[in-house]
C-alpha atoms as a PDB file:
ATOM      1  CA  MET A   1     212.813 176.615 241.298  1.00  0.00           C
ATOM      2  CA  ALA A   2     215.263 178.107 243.718  1.00  0.00           C
ATOM      3  CA  ALA A   3     218.944 177.854 242.966  1.00  0.00           C
ATOM      4  CA  SER A   4     221.061 175.704 245.244  1.00  0.00           C
ATOM      5  CA  ASP A   5     224.587 176.599 246.311  1.00  0.00           C
ATOM      6  CA  GLY A   6     225.572 172.926 246.240  1.00  0.00           C
ATOM      7  CA  ALA A   7     226.329 172.862 249.979  1.00  0.00           C
ATOM      8  CA  SER A   8     222.763 172.285 251.185  1.00  0.00           C
ATOM      9  CA  ASP A   9     221.234 168.926 251.964  1.00  0.00           C
ATOM     10  CA  GLY A  10     218.367 167.250 250.077  1.00  0.00           C
ATOM     11  CA  ALA A  11     215.738 168.446 252.560  1.00  0.00           C
ATOM     12  CA  SER A  12     216.737 172.065 252.019  1.00  0.00           C
ATOM     13  CA  ASP A  13     216.652 171.593 248.255  1.00  0.00           C
ATOM     14  CA  GLU A  14     213.172 170.078 248.537  1.00  0.00           C
ATOM     15  CA  ALA A  15     211.992 173.006 250.670  1.00  0.00           C
ATOM     16  CA  ASP A  16     213.463 175.412 248.113  1.00  0.00           C
ATOM     17  CA  ASP A  17     211.612 173.536 245.338  1.00  0.00           C
ATOM     18  CA  VAL A  18     208.305 173.779 247.220  1.00  0.00           C
ATOM     19  CA  ALA A  19     208.897 177.474 247.896  1.00  0.00           C
ATOM     20  CA  GLY A  20     209.634 177.976 244.208  1.00  0.00           C
ATOM     21  CA  ASP A  21     206.442 176.123 243.271  1.00  0.00           C
ATOM     22  CA  VAL A  22     204.384 178.292 245.625  1.00  0.00           C
ATOM     23  CA  ALA A  23     205.933 181.405 244.116  1.00  0.00           C
ATOM     24  CA  GLY A  24     205.063 180.038 240.677  1.00  0.00           C
ATOM     25  CA  ASP A  25     201.446 179.571 241.752  1.00  0.00           C
ATOM     26  CA  VAL A  26     201.275 183.154 242.894  1.00  0.00           C
ATOM     27  CA  ALA A  27     202.488 184.229 239.462  1.00  0.00           C
ATOM     28  CA  GLY A  28     199.903 181.949 237.804  1.00  0.00           C
ATOM     29  CA  ALA A  29     202.340 179.233 236.682  1.00  0.00           C
ATOM     30  CA  HIS A  30     200.930 175.838 235.830  1.00  0.00           C
ATOM     31  CA  GLY A  31     202.396 172.563 237.056  1.00  0.00           C
ATOM     32  CA  TYR A  32     203.353 171.342 233.577  1.00  0.00           C
ATOM     33  CA  LEU A  33     205.523 174.330 232.660  1.00  0.00           C
ATOM     34  CA  HIS A  34     208.759 172.645 233.735  1.00  0.00           C
ATOM     35  CA  ARG A  35     208.048 169.997 231.043  1.00  0.00           C
ATOM     36  CA  LYS A  36     206.432 172.299 228.480  1.00  0.00           C
ATOM     37  CA  ASP A  37     209.043 171.566 225.801  1.00  0.00           C
ATOM     38  CA  ASP A  38     208.596 167.803 226.275  1.00  0.00           C
ATOM     39  CA  HIS A  39     204.829 168.111 225.939  1.00  0.00           C
ATOM     40  CA  LEU A  40     205.133 170.273 222.836  1.00  0.00           C
ATOM     41  CA  LYS A  41     207.556 167.807 221.261  1.00  0.00           C
ATOM     42  CA  ARG A  42     205.150 164.909 221.873  1.00  0.00           C
ATOM     43  CA  LEU A  43     202.194 166.907 220.547  1.00  0.00           C
ATOM     44  CA  ARG A  44     204.123 167.771 217.389  1.00  0.00           C
ATOM     45  CA  ARG A  45     204.846 164.066 216.885  1.00  0.00           C
ATOM     46  CA  ILE A  46     201.145 163.339 217.315  1.00  0.00           C
ATOM     47  CA  GLU A  47     200.381 166.065 214.782  1.00  0.00           C
ATOM     48  CA  GLY A  48     202.716 164.279 212.364  1.00  0.00           C
ATOM     49  CA  GLN A  49     200.869 161.021 213.045  1.00  0.00           C
ATOM     50  CA  ALA A  50     197.578 162.742 212.170  1.00  0.00           C
ATOM     51  CA  ARG A  51     199.048 163.948 208.871  1.00  0.00           C
ATOM     52  CA  GLY A  52     200.273 160.404 208.226  1.00  0.00           C
ATOM     53  CA  LEU A  53     196.758 159.090 208.832  1.00  0.00           C
ATOM     54  CA  GLN A  54     195.373 161.598 206.345  1.00  0.00           C
ATOM     55  CA  ARG A  55     197.908 160.412 203.749  1.00  0.00           C
ATOM     56  CA  MET A  56     197.000 156.793 204.417  1.00  0.00           C
ATOM     57  CA  VAL A  57     193.324 157.531 203.746  1.00  0.00           C
ATOM     58  CA  GLU A  58     194.163 159.615 200.661  1.00  0.00           C
ATOM     59  CA  GLN A  59     196.297 156.738 199.340  1.00  0.00           C
ATOM     60  CA  GLU A  60     193.508 154.270 200.171  1.00  0.00           C
ATOM     61  CA  GLU A  61     195.677 152.121 202.427  1.00  0.00           C
ATOM     62  CA  TYR A  62     194.309 148.971 204.038  1.00  0.00           C
ATOM     63  CA  CYS A  63     191.755 149.826 206.736  1.00  0.00           C
ATOM     64  CA  ILE A  64     193.389 147.669 209.421  1.00  0.00           C
ATOM     65  CA  ASP A  65     196.699 149.480 208.897  1.00  0.00           C
ATOM     66  CA  ILE A  66     194.923 152.819 209.346  1.00  0.00           C
ATOM     67  CA  LEU A  67     193.167 151.564 212.476  1.00  0.00           C
ATOM     68  CA  THR A  68     196.508 150.409 213.881  1.00  0.00           C
ATOM     69  CA  GLN A  69     197.887 153.919 213.423  1.00  0.00           C
ATOM     70  CA  VAL A  70     194.748 155.454 214.969  1.00  0.00           C
ATOM     71  CA  SER A  71     195.310 153.235 218.001  1.00  0.00           C
ATOM     72  CA  ALA A  72     198.956 154.358 218.257  1.00  0.00           C
ATOM     73  CA  MET A  73     197.923 157.990 218.027  1.00  0.00           C
ATOM     74  CA  THR A  74     195.225 157.492 220.670  1.00  0.00           C
ATOM     75  CA  LYS A  75     197.767 155.946 223.050  1.00  0.00           C
ATOM     76  CA  ALA A  76     200.148 158.846 222.448  1.00  0.00           C
ATOM     77  CA  LEU A  77     197.414 161.363 223.298  1.00  0.00           C
ATOM     78  CA  GLN A  78     196.476 159.391 226.405  1.00  0.00           C
ATOM     79  CA  SER A  79     200.100 159.447 227.496  1.00  0.00           C
ATOM     80  CA  VAL A  80     200.210 163.241 227.195  1.00  0.00           C
ATOM     81  CA  ALA A  81     196.932 163.505 229.098  1.00  0.00           C
ATOM     82  CA  LEU A  82     198.152 161.264 231.919  1.00  0.00           C
ATOM     83  CA  GLY A  83     201.376 163.263 232.217  1.00  0.00           C
ATOM     84  CA  LEU A  84     199.445 166.521 232.431  1.00  0.00           C
ATOM     85  CA  LEU A  85     197.055 165.016 234.964  1.00  0.00           C
ATOM     86  CA  GLU A  86     199.932 163.803 237.129  1.00  0.00           C
ATOM     87  CA  GLU A  87     201.509 167.247 237.048  1.00  0.00           C
ATOM     88  CA  HIS A  88     198.160 168.896 237.831  1.00  0.00           C
ATOM     89  CA  LEU A  89     197.628 166.658 240.841  1.00  0.00           C
ATOM     90  CA  GLY A  90     201.208 167.044 242.057  1.00  0.00           C
ATOM     91  CA  HIS A  91     201.284 170.791 241.676  1.00  0.00           C
ATOM     92  CA  CYS A  92     197.967 172.590 241.348  1.00  0.00           C
ATOM     93  CA  VAL A  93     195.887 170.303 243.554  1.00  0.00           C
ATOM     94  CA  VAL A  94     198.599 169.916 246.212  1.00  0.00           C
ATOM     95  CA  GLN A  95     199.107 173.679 246.402  1.00  0.00           C
ATOM     96  CA  ALA A  96     195.363 174.335 246.634  1.00  0.00           C
ATOM     97  CA  ALA A  97     195.001 171.656 249.310  1.00  0.00           C
ATOM     98  CA  ALA A  98     197.797 173.265 251.313  1.00  0.00           C
ATOM     99  CA  THR A  99     195.953 176.579 251.116  1.00  0.00           C
ATOM    100  CA  GLY A 100     192.590 174.973 251.863  1.00  0.00           C
ATOM    101  CA  GLY A 101     189.155 176.497 251.496  1.00  0.00           C
ATOM    102  CA  PRO A 102     186.894 176.607 248.448  1.00  0.00           C
ATOM    103  CA  GLU A 103     189.814 176.674 245.993  1.00  0.00           C
ATOM    104  CA  ALA A 104     190.989 173.299 247.280  1.00  0.00           C
ATOM    105  CA  GLU A 105     187.532 171.812 246.867  1.00  0.00           C
ATOM    106  CA  GLU A 106     187.285 173.232 243.343  1.00  0.00           C
ATOM    107  CA  LYS A 107     190.688 171.801 242.312  1.00  0.00           C
ATOM    108  CA  VAL A 108     189.718 168.340 243.576  1.00  0.00           C
ATOM    109  CA  LYS A 109     186.410 168.533 241.666  1.00  0.00           C
ATOM    110  CA  GLU A 110     188.248 169.622 238.498  1.00  0.00           C
ATOM    111  CA  ALA A 111     190.723 166.760 238.830  1.00  0.00           C
ATOM    112  CA  SER A 112     187.930 164.241 239.425  1.00  0.00           C
ATOM    113  CA  ALA A 113     186.079 165.471 236.347  1.00  0.00           C
ATOM    114  CA  ALA A 114     189.255 165.267 234.249  1.00  0.00           C
ATOM    115  CA  ILE A 115     189.870 161.710 235.422  1.00  0.00           C
ATOM    116  CA  ALA A 116     186.276 160.780 234.593  1.00  0.00           C
ATOM    117  CA  ARG A 117     186.688 162.208 231.056  1.00  0.00           C
ATOM    118  CA  LEU A 118     189.899 160.235 230.558  1.00  0.00           C
ATOM    119  CA  VAL A 119     188.306 157.014 231.773  1.00  0.00           C
ATOM    120  CA  ARG A 120     185.361 157.485 229.388  1.00  0.00           C
ATOM    121  CA  SER A 121     187.588 158.181 226.390  1.00  0.00           C
END
């Protein structure tokens, strides 16, 4: 994102942000990169949940308790997926649509397919 000198108005800052996003696209940046650390933190927590599930099975815990934890882990993964999807739509798809042409059509198809996979899961 472009740096602001503090004296500009919100519209200029927004234009700078869009210009920074376009520059990021040219360099191959993905829309989620500004939240990469957040995503990694959540995925590491989910990884810990998976290890906890393994321990529960090893220790022969009650099946309903294990299923409850599976449900929690599933919701956590869905939350990560929805966040990534939102960022993809707001960044990659919007930028491709602004450019137009076959790339825009391809990005919309990719997003639709991703949504369909999430709905089926």
